[in-house]
Amino acid sequence: MENLIVAIAKGLVDDKDAVNVTVDPPAEDGSVVYHLHVAADDMGRVIGKQGRIAKAIRTVVRASANKAGVKAVVEID
């Protein structure tokens, strides 16, 4: 899952070295929270107009996690 998030984010940003994903331990309900960190200048590119790109990233990751039988949440920091 981390590799998927990093691959998507690196395709969107200018500063590819600043892309970082941290993972929280699974919660009681089994969901895993992934925190996407990008450079401050690239934050707008990852979020997109009215949050459309961020929503698309979350949808792709949720679909991939669902296929693997896991519940995943993406937070953009």
Protein backbone atom coordinates (compact mmCIF):
# COMPACT_ATOMS: atom_id res chain seq x y z
CA MET A 1 0.00 0.00 0.00
CA GLU A 2 2.83 2.39 0.87
CA ASN A 3 4.44 1.86 -2.54
CA LEU A 4 1.17 2.65 -4.29
CA ILE A 5 0.74 5.92 -2.38
CA VAL A 6 4.36 6.94 -3.00
CA ALA A 7 4.10 6.14 -6.72
CA ILE A 8 0.96 8.22 -7.12
CA ALA A 9 2.35 11.15 -5.12
CA LYS A 10 5.72 11.20 -6.93
CA GLY A 11 3.86 11.50 -10.22
CA LEU A 12 2.16 14.67 -9.00
CA VAL A 13 4.87 16.64 -7.18
CA ASP A 14 8.00 18.57 -8.20
CA ASP A 15 10.09 17.66 -5.12
CA LYS A 16 10.02 13.87 -5.36
CA ASP A 17 12.58 13.46 -2.54
CA ALA A 18 10.17 15.04 -0.03
CA VAL A 19 7.48 12.38 -0.56
CA ASN A 20 7.22 10.20 2.53
CA VAL A 21 4.58 7.80 3.85
CA THR A 22 4.29 6.77 7.49
CA VAL A 23 1.98 4.05 8.75
CA ASP A 24 0.09 3.91 12.04
CA PRO A 25 -0.41 0.54 13.70
CA PRO A 26 -3.78 -1.08 12.90
CA ALA A 27 -6.69 0.24 14.95
CA GLU A 28 -9.15 -1.95 16.85
CA ASP A 29 -11.45 -2.11 13.83
CA GLY A 30 -8.54 -3.28 11.65
CA SER A 31 -8.10 -0.05 9.71
CA VAL A 32 -4.60 1.18 8.91
CA VAL A 33 -3.91 4.92 8.58
CA TYR A 34 -1.29 6.03 6.03
CA HIS A 35 0.09 9.56 6.41
CA LEU A 36 1.35 11.11 3.17
CA HIS A 37 3.93 13.85 3.67
CA VAL A 38 4.96 16.15 0.80
CA ALA A 39 6.80 19.46 0.53
CA ALA A 40 4.78 22.54 1.42
CA ASP A 41 5.03 23.85 -2.15
CA ASP A 42 3.56 20.63 -3.53
CA MET A 43 0.64 20.39 -1.11
CA GLY A 44 -1.74 22.08 -3.56
CA ARG A 45 -0.80 19.66 -6.33
CA VAL A 46 -1.59 16.65 -4.13
CA ILE A 47 -4.87 18.06 -2.82
CA GLY A 48 -6.08 19.51 -6.12
CA LYS A 49 -8.97 21.83 -6.80
CA GLN A 50 -11.68 21.31 -4.20
CA GLY A 51 -9.81 18.21 -3.00
CA ARG A 52 -10.50 16.17 -6.12
CA ILE A 53 -7.02 14.68 -6.44
CA ALA A 54 -6.88 13.83 -2.73
CA LYS A 55 -10.27 12.15 -3.03
CA ALA A 56 -9.07 10.17 -6.06
CA ILE A 57 -5.94 9.02 -4.20
CA ARG A 58 -8.06 7.89 -1.26
CA THR A 59 -10.46 6.04 -3.59
CA VAL A 60 -7.65 4.15 -5.38
CA VAL A 61 -5.97 3.19 -2.10
CA ARG A 62 -9.27 2.14 -0.52
CA ALA A 63 -10.09 -0.03 -3.55
CA SER A 64 -6.67 -1.65 -3.48
CA ALA A 65 -6.89 -2.26 0.26
CA ASN A 66 -10.39 -3.69 -0.08
CA LYS A 67 -9.11 -6.12 -2.68
CA ALA A 68 -6.41 -7.20 -0.21
CA GLY A 69 -8.98 -7.54 2.57
CA VAL A 70 -7.69 -4.58 4.58
CA LYS A 71 -9.27 -1.27 5.53
CA ALA A 72 -7.02 1.70 4.66
CA VAL A 73 -7.29 5.44 5.27
CA VAL A 74 -5.02 8.06 3.67
CA GLU A 75 -4.31 11.34 5.44
CA ILE A 76 -2.36 14.07 3.69
CA ASP A 77 -0.08 16.02 6.00
